[in-house]
Amino acid sequence: MERFLVILACALMLITVSISCRQFGAAARLSAHQVNPYQGAVKDILPRQVGDFMLVQSSSLNEIDEETMNARDGVGAIYNSSKNHTVQHLLVTYNSASEANQELDSAEKRYADAQIKFRTEEVKDLQGQTVGRRLVINDGRTEAMNWTNGSLYCTAVSYTGYSSEFVKNLPY
């Protein structure tokens, strides 16, 4: 009985630590099966803290002027760092990875039509498997990223060049 209580106490402690980490942005990355497709509400995976960046404001897709075709759910967010750097973040979920990639294809076409230089990268999970693509713009003034991870479509934009620091600390 004593051994059972010790195991139970340890399990409860692990659950508490896991919940605390999620609330403070230190949660582990979401696995490929959790986001392909993502079934929950995006507000549930939007971190309150991402590295040194704290969530300042969030708004649902219908509250912001963001045109996304066939989005299932989404949120726009603004984060500020302790050094007063701002990142604008968009997190949208689609019914499938294919639909999320169509949105990324549209962004890529808009950049190409506007003659904005960008590079393309693969997004990989912790096992090294490709789970999406990323478009990266860094023109010296603006750093922007658009990417997919399963059925998630995301963007991060910073006019002070901190998007990549922000993105590497996201759980998706």
N, C-alpha and C. Protein backbone atom coordinates (compact mmCIF):
# COMPACT_ATOMS: atom_id res chain seq x y z
N MET A 1 0.82 -1.19 0.00
CA MET A 1 0.00 0.00 0.00
C MET A 1 0.87 1.26 0.00
N GLU A 2 1.93 1.24 0.81
CA GLU A 2 2.82 2.40 0.88
C GLU A 2 3.47 2.67 -0.48
N ARG A 3 3.87 1.61 -1.16
CA ARG A 3 4.49 1.75 -2.49
C ARG A 3 3.49 2.37 -3.47
N PHE A 4 2.24 1.93 -3.41
CA PHE A 4 1.20 2.47 -4.27
C PHE A 4 1.03 3.97 -4.03
N LEU A 5 1.02 4.40 -2.77
CA LEU A 5 0.87 5.82 -2.45
C LEU A 5 2.05 6.64 -2.96
N VAL A 6 3.24 6.09 -2.89
CA VAL A 6 4.43 6.78 -3.42
C VAL A 6 4.30 6.94 -4.94
N ILE A 7 3.90 5.87 -5.62
CA ILE A 7 3.73 5.92 -7.08
C ILE A 7 2.63 6.92 -7.44
N LEU A 8 1.53 6.91 -6.71
CA LEU A 8 0.44 7.84 -6.96
C LEU A 8 0.91 9.28 -6.75
N ALA A 9 1.65 9.53 -5.67
CA ALA A 9 2.16 10.88 -5.40
C ALA A 9 3.09 11.34 -6.52
N CYS A 10 3.96 10.44 -7.00
CA CYS A 10 4.86 10.79 -8.11
C CYS A 10 4.08 11.09 -9.38
N ALA A 11 3.06 10.31 -9.67
CA ALA A 11 2.24 10.53 -10.85
C ALA A 11 1.54 11.88 -10.77
N LEU A 12 0.98 12.20 -9.62
CA LEU A 12 0.32 13.49 -9.45
C LEU A 12 1.31 14.64 -9.59
N MET A 13 2.51 14.45 -9.08
CA MET A 13 3.53 15.49 -9.21
C MET A 13 3.89 15.70 -10.68
N LEU A 14 4.04 14.62 -11.44
CA LEU A 14 4.36 14.73 -12.86
C LEU A 14 3.24 15.42 -13.62
N ILE A 15 2.00 15.11 -13.30
CA ILE A 15 0.87 15.76 -13.95
C ILE A 15 0.88 17.25 -13.63
N THR A 16 1.12 17.61 -12.38
CA THR A 16 1.18 19.02 -11.98
C THR A 16 2.29 19.75 -12.71
N VAL A 17 3.47 19.14 -12.78
CA VAL A 17 4.60 19.76 -13.49
C VAL A 17 4.26 19.93 -14.97
N SER A 18 3.64 18.93 -15.56
CA SER A 18 3.26 18.99 -16.97
C SER A 18 2.29 20.13 -17.22
N ILE A 19 1.28 20.27 -16.37
CA ILE A 19 0.31 21.35 -16.52
C ILE A 19 1.00 22.70 -16.32
N SER A 20 1.86 22.81 -15.33
CA SER A 20 2.57 24.07 -15.09
C SER A 20 3.45 24.44 -16.27
N CYS A 21 4.14 23.46 -16.83
CA CYS A 21 4.99 23.74 -17.99
C CYS A 21 4.15 24.23 -19.16
N ARG A 22 2.99 23.62 -19.38
CA ARG A 22 2.11 24.04 -20.47
C ARG A 22 1.68 25.48 -20.28
N GLN A 23 1.33 25.84 -19.04
CA GLN A 23 0.87 27.20 -18.76
C GLN A 23 1.98 28.22 -18.95
N PHE A 24 3.20 27.86 -18.71
CA PHE A 24 4.29 28.82 -18.78
C PHE A 24 5.12 28.69 -20.04
N GLY A 25 4.63 27.94 -21.03
CA GLY A 25 5.27 27.90 -22.33
C GLY A 25 6.47 26.98 -22.42
N ALA A 26 6.71 26.14 -21.45
CA ALA A 26 7.88 25.27 -21.48
C ALA A 26 7.49 23.84 -21.84
N ALA A 27 6.31 23.67 -22.40
CA ALA A 27 5.83 22.32 -22.72
C ALA A 27 6.62 21.73 -23.88
N ALA A 28 6.64 20.43 -23.93
CA ALA A 28 7.30 19.73 -25.03
C ALA A 28 6.54 19.98 -26.31
N ARG A 29 7.20 19.73 -27.41
CA ARG A 29 6.58 19.91 -28.71
C ARG A 29 5.43 18.91 -28.88
N LEU A 30 4.40 19.34 -29.57
CA LEU A 30 3.29 18.46 -29.87
C LEU A 30 3.75 17.43 -30.88
N SER A 31 3.30 16.21 -30.73
CA SER A 31 3.70 15.14 -31.64
C SER A 31 2.93 15.24 -32.95
N ALA A 32 3.45 14.58 -33.98
CA ALA A 32 2.82 14.60 -35.30
C ALA A 32 1.39 14.09 -35.25
N HIS A 33 1.12 13.04 -34.46
CA HIS A 33 -0.25 12.52 -34.42
C HIS A 33 -1.20 13.48 -33.69
N GLN A 34 -0.68 14.39 -32.87
CA GLN A 34 -1.54 15.36 -32.18
C GLN A 34 -1.97 16.51 -33.10
N VAL A 35 -1.21 16.75 -34.18
CA VAL A 35 -1.52 17.88 -35.05
C VAL A 35 -1.88 17.46 -36.47
N ASN A 36 -2.07 16.18 -36.70
CA ASN A 36 -2.36 15.73 -38.06
C ASN A 36 -3.55 14.78 -38.08
N PRO A 37 -4.78 15.29 -38.01
CA PRO A 37 -5.13 16.69 -37.82
C PRO A 37 -5.29 17.04 -36.34
N TYR A 38 -5.13 18.33 -36.05
CA TYR A 38 -5.36 18.81 -34.69
C TYR A 38 -6.86 18.95 -34.50
N GLN A 39 -7.39 18.34 -33.45
CA GLN A 39 -8.84 18.30 -33.24
C GLN A 39 -9.35 19.30 -32.20
N GLY A 40 -8.46 19.86 -31.41
CA GLY A 40 -8.91 20.72 -30.32
C GLY A 40 -9.07 22.18 -30.74
N ALA A 41 -9.34 23.02 -29.77
CA ALA A 41 -9.42 24.47 -29.98
C ALA A 41 -8.00 25.04 -29.93
N VAL A 42 -7.68 25.92 -30.87
CA VAL A 42 -6.32 26.45 -30.91
C VAL A 42 -5.97 27.24 -29.66
N LYS A 43 -6.96 27.83 -29.02
CA LYS A 43 -6.67 28.58 -27.79
C LYS A 43 -6.07 27.68 -26.72
N ASP A 44 -6.35 26.37 -26.82
CA ASP A 44 -5.83 25.43 -25.84
C ASP A 44 -4.34 25.14 -26.02
N ILE A 45 -3.78 25.39 -27.20
CA ILE A 45 -2.35 25.15 -27.42
C ILE A 45 -1.57 26.44 -27.60
N LEU A 46 -2.26 27.59 -27.60
CA LEU A 46 -1.57 28.88 -27.70
C LEU A 46 -0.89 29.16 -26.37
N PRO A 47 0.45 29.20 -26.34
CA PRO A 47 1.15 29.39 -25.07
C PRO A 47 1.00 30.81 -24.52
N ARG A 48 0.97 30.91 -23.21
CA ARG A 48 0.97 32.22 -22.55
C ARG A 48 2.36 32.83 -22.58
N GLN A 49 3.38 31.97 -22.60
CA GLN A 49 4.76 32.43 -22.66
C GLN A 49 5.51 31.56 -23.66
N VAL A 50 6.34 32.22 -24.48
CA VAL A 50 7.17 31.54 -25.47
C VAL A 50 8.59 32.07 -25.27
N GLY A 51 9.45 31.30 -24.61
CA GLY A 51 10.78 31.80 -24.27
C GLY A 51 10.63 33.03 -23.41
N ASP A 52 11.22 34.15 -23.87
CA ASP A 52 11.16 35.41 -23.14
C ASP A 52 9.92 36.24 -23.52
N PHE A 53 9.09 35.73 -24.40
CA PHE A 53 7.93 36.47 -24.90
C PHE A 53 6.67 36.10 -24.12
N MET A 54 5.95 37.10 -23.66
CA MET A 54 4.70 36.90 -22.92
C MET A 54 3.52 37.32 -23.81
N LEU A 55 2.46 36.53 -23.75
CA LEU A 55 1.24 36.84 -24.49
C LEU A 55 0.65 38.14 -23.95
N VAL A 56 0.40 39.10 -24.86
CA VAL A 56 -0.18 40.39 -24.48
C VAL A 56 -1.65 40.45 -24.87
N GLN A 57 -1.96 39.89 -26.06
CA GLN A 57 -3.33 39.96 -26.56
C GLN A 57 -3.57 38.81 -27.51
N SER A 58 -4.78 38.29 -27.50
CA SER A 58 -5.17 37.29 -28.50
C SER A 58 -6.60 37.58 -28.94
N SER A 59 -6.86 37.26 -30.21
CA SER A 59 -8.18 37.49 -30.79
C SER A 59 -8.52 36.34 -31.71
N SER A 60 -9.79 35.95 -31.74
CA SER A 60 -10.21 34.88 -32.63
C SER A 60 -10.16 35.37 -34.08
N LEU A 61 -10.19 34.43 -35.02
CA LEU A 61 -10.11 34.79 -36.44
C LEU A 61 -11.22 35.74 -36.86
N ASN A 62 -12.42 35.57 -36.32
CA ASN A 62 -13.51 36.46 -36.74
C ASN A 62 -13.36 37.87 -36.17
N GLU A 63 -12.42 38.08 -35.23
CA GLU A 63 -12.18 39.41 -34.67
C GLU A 63 -11.04 40.15 -35.38
N ILE A 64 -10.27 39.43 -36.18
CA ILE A 64 -9.14 40.07 -36.87
C ILE A 64 -9.38 40.01 -38.37
N ASP A 65 -8.70 40.85 -39.08
CA ASP A 65 -8.86 40.92 -40.53
C ASP A 65 -7.85 39.98 -41.20
N GLU A 66 -8.09 38.70 -41.06
CA GLU A 66 -7.20 37.69 -41.62
C GLU A 66 -8.01 36.80 -42.54
N GLU A 67 -7.63 36.77 -43.80
CA GLU A 67 -8.35 35.95 -44.77
C GLU A 67 -7.69 34.59 -44.87
N THR A 68 -8.34 33.60 -44.34
CA THR A 68 -7.87 32.22 -44.45
C THR A 68 -9.04 31.40 -44.99
N MET A 69 -8.78 30.65 -46.03
CA MET A 69 -9.82 29.85 -46.67
C MET A 69 -10.04 28.55 -45.89
N ASN A 70 -11.29 28.26 -45.57
CA ASN A 70 -11.69 26.99 -44.97
C ASN A 70 -11.05 26.69 -43.62
N ALA A 71 -10.63 27.71 -42.89
CA ALA A 71 -10.04 27.48 -41.57
C ALA A 71 -11.11 26.92 -40.63
N ARG A 72 -10.71 25.95 -39.80
CA ARG A 72 -11.61 25.37 -38.81
C ARG A 72 -11.64 26.22 -37.55
N ASP A 73 -10.46 26.73 -37.15
CA ASP A 73 -10.34 27.52 -35.93
C ASP A 73 -9.03 28.31 -36.03
N GLY A 74 -8.96 29.42 -35.34
CA GLY A 74 -7.72 30.18 -35.37
C GLY A 74 -7.71 31.32 -34.38
N VAL A 75 -6.51 31.81 -34.15
CA VAL A 75 -6.31 32.92 -33.22
C VAL A 75 -5.11 33.74 -33.67
N GLY A 76 -5.24 35.05 -33.54
CA GLY A 76 -4.12 35.95 -33.75
C GLY A 76 -3.64 36.41 -32.38
N ALA A 77 -2.33 36.54 -32.21
CA ALA A 77 -1.79 36.88 -30.90
C ALA A 77 -0.62 37.84 -31.03
N ILE A 78 -0.43 38.63 -30.00
CA ILE A 78 0.71 39.54 -29.91
C ILE A 78 1.48 39.19 -28.65
N TYR A 79 2.79 39.04 -28.80
CA TYR A 79 3.68 38.72 -27.70
C TYR A 79 4.73 39.82 -27.59
N ASN A 80 5.12 40.15 -26.36
CA ASN A 80 6.21 41.10 -26.10
C ASN A 80 7.26 40.41 -25.23
N SER A 81 8.53 40.75 -25.50
CA SER A 81 9.62 40.22 -24.68
C SER A 81 9.94 41.21 -23.57
N SER A 82 10.79 40.79 -22.65
CA SER A 82 11.21 41.67 -21.56
C SER A 82 12.04 42.83 -22.09
N LYS A 83 12.56 42.69 -23.31
CA LYS A 83 13.35 43.77 -23.94
C LYS A 83 12.49 44.59 -24.90
N ASN A 84 11.17 44.43 -24.78
CA ASN A 84 10.17 45.16 -25.56
C ASN A 84 10.23 44.87 -27.06
N HIS A 85 10.54 43.64 -27.42
CA HIS A 85 10.45 43.20 -28.80
C HIS A 85 9.08 42.56 -28.98
N THR A 86 8.43 42.84 -30.09
CA THR A 86 7.08 42.35 -30.35
C THR A 86 7.07 41.32 -31.48
N VAL A 87 6.29 40.26 -31.29
CA VAL A 87 6.06 39.27 -32.34
C VAL A 87 4.56 39.13 -32.51
N GLN A 88 4.11 39.20 -33.76
CA GLN A 88 2.72 38.93 -34.09
C GLN A 88 2.64 37.48 -34.55
N HIS A 89 1.69 36.74 -34.01
CA HIS A 89 1.61 35.30 -34.26
C HIS A 89 0.20 34.92 -34.67
N LEU A 90 0.09 34.08 -35.69
CA LEU A 90 -1.19 33.56 -36.14
C LEU A 90 -1.13 32.05 -36.06
N LEU A 91 -2.14 31.44 -35.46
CA LEU A 91 -2.23 29.99 -35.33
C LEU A 91 -3.61 29.58 -35.82
N VAL A 92 -3.63 28.78 -36.91
CA VAL A 92 -4.88 28.37 -37.55
C VAL A 92 -4.85 26.86 -37.72
N THR A 93 -6.00 26.23 -37.56
CA THR A 93 -6.08 24.80 -37.82
C THR A 93 -7.08 24.54 -38.94
N TYR A 94 -6.73 23.54 -39.73
CA TYR A 94 -7.56 23.10 -40.85
C TYR A 94 -8.00 21.66 -40.60
N ASN A 95 -8.87 21.17 -41.44
CA ASN A 95 -9.34 19.79 -41.31
C ASN A 95 -8.29 18.77 -41.71
N SER A 96 -7.27 19.20 -42.46
CA SER A 96 -6.23 18.27 -42.90
C SER A 96 -4.92 19.01 -43.14
N ALA A 97 -3.84 18.25 -43.19
CA ALA A 97 -2.53 18.83 -43.53
C ALA A 97 -2.55 19.39 -44.95
N SER A 98 -3.27 18.73 -45.84
CA SER A 98 -3.38 19.19 -47.22
C SER A 98 -3.96 20.60 -47.29
N GLU A 99 -5.02 20.86 -46.52
CA GLU A 99 -5.63 22.19 -46.50
C GLU A 99 -4.68 23.23 -45.91
N ALA A 100 -3.95 22.87 -44.86
CA ALA A 100 -2.97 23.79 -44.28
C ALA A 100 -1.88 24.12 -45.30
N ASN A 101 -1.45 23.11 -46.04
CA ASN A 101 -0.42 23.33 -47.06
C ASN A 101 -0.94 24.18 -48.22
N GLN A 102 -2.23 24.10 -48.53
CA GLN A 102 -2.80 24.98 -49.55
C GLN A 102 -2.70 26.43 -49.11
N GLU A 103 -2.93 26.69 -47.83
CA GLU A 103 -2.79 28.06 -47.30
C GLU A 103 -1.34 28.53 -47.42
N LEU A 104 -0.40 27.63 -47.12
CA LEU A 104 1.02 27.98 -47.25
C LEU A 104 1.38 28.23 -48.73
N ASP A 105 0.83 27.43 -49.63
CA ASP A 105 1.04 27.65 -51.07
C ASP A 105 0.54 29.03 -51.49
N SER A 106 -0.60 29.44 -50.94
CA SER A 106 -1.14 30.78 -51.25
C SER A 106 -0.21 31.87 -50.75
N ALA A 107 0.34 31.69 -49.55
CA ALA A 107 1.29 32.68 -49.01
C ALA A 107 2.54 32.73 -49.88
N GLU A 108 3.03 31.57 -50.30
CA GLU A 108 4.22 31.51 -51.16
C GLU A 108 3.96 32.24 -52.48
N LYS A 109 2.78 32.07 -53.05
CA LYS A 109 2.44 32.76 -54.30
C LYS A 109 2.37 34.27 -54.09
N ARG A 110 1.77 34.70 -52.97
CA ARG A 110 1.70 36.14 -52.68
C ARG A 110 3.10 36.74 -52.57
N TYR A 111 4.01 36.04 -51.89
CA TYR A 111 5.39 36.53 -51.76
C TYR A 111 6.07 36.59 -53.12
N ALA A 112 5.91 35.56 -53.92
CA ALA A 112 6.53 35.53 -55.25
C ALA A 112 5.97 36.64 -56.14
N ASP A 113 4.63 36.82 -56.12
CA ASP A 113 4.01 37.88 -56.93
C ASP A 113 4.47 39.26 -56.51
N ALA A 114 4.73 39.44 -55.21
CA ALA A 114 5.20 40.74 -54.70
C ALA A 114 6.72 40.87 -54.80
N GLN A 115 7.37 39.86 -55.35
CA GLN A 115 8.84 39.82 -55.52
C GLN A 115 9.56 39.95 -54.18
N ILE A 116 9.01 39.30 -53.18
CA ILE A 116 9.64 39.26 -51.86
C ILE A 116 10.49 37.99 -51.81
N LYS A 117 11.76 38.16 -51.47
CA LYS A 117 12.66 37.01 -51.41
C LYS A 117 12.39 36.20 -50.15
N PHE A 118 12.35 34.89 -50.31
CA PHE A 118 12.13 33.98 -49.19
C PHE A 118 12.88 32.69 -49.45
N ARG A 119 13.08 31.95 -48.39
CA ARG A 119 13.64 30.60 -48.54
C ARG A 119 12.64 29.62 -47.95
N THR A 120 12.73 28.38 -48.41
CA THR A 120 11.83 27.33 -47.95
C THR A 120 12.62 26.31 -47.16
N GLU A 121 12.06 25.87 -46.05
CA GLU A 121 12.68 24.86 -45.19
C GLU A 121 11.65 23.77 -44.88
N GLU A 122 12.14 22.60 -44.56
CA GLU A 122 11.27 21.54 -44.06
C GLU A 122 11.09 21.72 -42.56
N VAL A 123 9.91 21.42 -42.07
CA VAL A 123 9.64 21.38 -40.63
C VAL A 123 9.69 19.91 -40.24
N LYS A 124 10.54 19.59 -39.26
CA LYS A 124 10.70 18.20 -38.84
C LYS A 124 10.31 18.03 -37.39
N ASP A 125 9.82 16.83 -37.06
CA ASP A 125 9.49 16.53 -35.68
C ASP A 125 10.74 16.07 -34.95
N LEU A 126 10.60 15.71 -33.69
CA LEU A 126 11.75 15.30 -32.88
C LEU A 126 12.42 14.04 -33.38
N GLN A 127 11.70 13.23 -34.16
CA GLN A 127 12.27 12.00 -34.73
C GLN A 127 12.91 12.25 -36.10
N GLY A 128 12.89 13.50 -36.56
CA GLY A 128 13.50 13.84 -37.84
C GLY A 128 12.59 13.66 -39.04
N GLN A 129 11.32 13.35 -38.80
CA GLN A 129 10.36 13.16 -39.89
C GLN A 129 9.82 14.52 -40.33
N THR A 130 9.68 14.73 -41.63
CA THR A 130 9.12 15.96 -42.16
C THR A 130 7.63 16.01 -41.86
N VAL A 131 7.19 17.10 -41.20
CA VAL A 131 5.79 17.25 -40.82
C VAL A 131 5.17 18.52 -41.42
N GLY A 132 5.98 19.28 -42.17
CA GLY A 132 5.46 20.50 -42.77
C GLY A 132 6.56 21.25 -43.50
N ARG A 133 6.22 22.48 -43.91
CA ARG A 133 7.17 23.37 -44.60
C ARG A 133 7.15 24.73 -43.93
N ARG A 134 8.23 25.48 -44.15
CA ARG A 134 8.34 26.83 -43.60
C ARG A 134 8.86 27.77 -44.68
N LEU A 135 8.24 28.94 -44.77
CA LEU A 135 8.74 30.03 -45.61
C LEU A 135 9.37 31.05 -44.68
N VAL A 136 10.58 31.48 -44.99
CA VAL A 136 11.31 32.41 -44.12
C VAL A 136 11.69 33.65 -44.93
N ILE A 137 11.32 34.80 -44.38
CA ILE A 137 11.68 36.09 -44.96
C ILE A 137 12.52 36.83 -43.93
N ASN A 138 13.67 37.32 -44.35
CA ASN A 138 14.50 38.13 -43.47
C ASN A 138 15.19 39.16 -44.34
N ASP A 139 14.62 40.36 -44.38
CA ASP A 139 15.16 41.41 -45.25
C ASP A 139 15.97 42.45 -44.49
N GLY A 140 16.34 42.14 -43.25
CA GLY A 140 17.11 43.10 -42.45
C GLY A 140 16.24 43.98 -41.59
N ARG A 141 15.00 44.18 -41.99
CA ARG A 141 14.05 44.98 -41.20
C ARG A 141 12.95 44.11 -40.62
N THR A 142 12.53 43.12 -41.39
CA THR A 142 11.43 42.26 -40.99
C THR A 142 11.88 40.81 -41.04
N GLU A 143 11.50 40.06 -40.02
CA GLU A 143 11.71 38.63 -40.04
C GLU A 143 10.32 38.00 -39.92
N ALA A 144 9.95 37.23 -40.93
CA ALA A 144 8.62 36.61 -40.96
C ALA A 144 8.75 35.14 -41.31
N MET A 145 7.89 34.35 -40.72
CA MET A 145 7.84 32.93 -41.02
C MET A 145 6.40 32.50 -41.15
N ASN A 146 6.14 31.69 -42.17
CA ASN A 146 4.86 31.01 -42.36
C ASN A 146 5.22 29.54 -42.39
N TRP A 147 4.46 28.71 -41.68
CA TRP A 147 4.79 27.28 -41.71
C TRP A 147 3.56 26.44 -41.43
N THR A 148 3.70 25.17 -41.79
CA THR A 148 2.68 24.18 -41.48
C THR A 148 3.30 23.11 -40.61
N ASN A 149 2.45 22.51 -39.80
CA ASN A 149 2.82 21.34 -39.00
C ASN A 149 1.55 20.53 -38.90
N GLY A 150 1.45 19.48 -39.71
CA GLY A 150 0.20 18.74 -39.78
C GLY A 150 -0.88 19.66 -40.30
N SER A 151 -2.01 19.72 -39.60
CA SER A 151 -3.13 20.57 -40.03
C SER A 151 -3.03 21.99 -39.50
N LEU A 152 -1.93 22.32 -38.81
CA LEU A 152 -1.73 23.68 -38.31
C LEU A 152 -1.04 24.54 -39.37
N TYR A 153 -1.52 25.77 -39.50
CA TYR A 153 -0.87 26.78 -40.32
C TYR A 153 -0.52 27.93 -39.38
N CYS A 154 0.72 28.37 -39.39
CA CYS A 154 1.18 29.36 -38.43
C CYS A 154 1.98 30.46 -39.12
N THR A 155 1.97 31.63 -38.52
CA THR A 155 2.86 32.71 -38.95
C THR A 155 3.44 33.38 -37.71
N ALA A 156 4.59 33.97 -37.88
CA ALA A 156 5.22 34.80 -36.84
C ALA A 156 5.93 35.93 -37.57
N VAL A 157 5.68 37.16 -37.16
CA VAL A 157 6.27 38.33 -37.80
C VAL A 157 6.83 39.24 -36.72
N SER A 158 8.05 39.69 -36.94
CA SER A 158 8.67 40.64 -36.03
C SER A 158 9.42 41.68 -36.85
N TYR A 159 9.24 42.92 -36.52
CA TYR A 159 9.95 43.98 -37.21
C TYR A 159 11.28 44.29 -36.54
N THR A 160 11.61 43.52 -35.53
CA THR A 160 12.90 43.68 -34.85
C THR A 160 13.77 42.44 -35.00
N GLY A 161 13.32 41.46 -35.80
CA GLY A 161 14.15 40.31 -36.11
C GLY A 161 14.18 39.22 -35.06
N TYR A 162 13.10 39.01 -34.34
CA TYR A 162 13.10 38.00 -33.28
C TYR A 162 12.13 36.85 -33.54
N SER A 163 11.60 36.75 -34.75
CA SER A 163 10.65 35.68 -35.05
C SER A 163 11.27 34.30 -34.91
N SER A 164 12.50 34.12 -35.39
CA SER A 164 13.10 32.78 -35.33
C SER A 164 13.32 32.35 -33.89
N GLU A 165 13.72 33.26 -33.01
CA GLU A 165 13.87 32.95 -31.58
C GLU A 165 12.53 32.53 -30.99
N PHE A 166 11.49 33.26 -31.36
CA PHE A 166 10.14 32.96 -30.88
C PHE A 166 9.68 31.59 -31.38
N VAL A 167 9.82 31.33 -32.67
CA VAL A 167 9.33 30.10 -33.29
C VAL A 167 10.01 28.87 -32.72
N LYS A 168 11.30 28.94 -32.47
CA LYS A 168 12.00 27.74 -31.97
C LYS A 168 11.52 27.32 -30.58
N ASN A 169 10.82 28.21 -29.87
CA ASN A 169 10.32 27.90 -28.54
C ASN A 169 8.84 27.53 -28.51
N LEU A 170 8.19 27.49 -29.68
CA LEU A 170 6.78 27.11 -29.73
C LEU A 170 6.63 25.60 -29.62
N PRO A 171 5.51 25.12 -29.10
CA PRO A 171 5.30 23.68 -28.97
C PRO A 171 4.76 23.04 -30.26
N TYR A 172 4.64 23.79 -31.35
CA TYR A 172 4.11 23.25 -32.61
C TYR A 172 4.93 23.75 -33.79
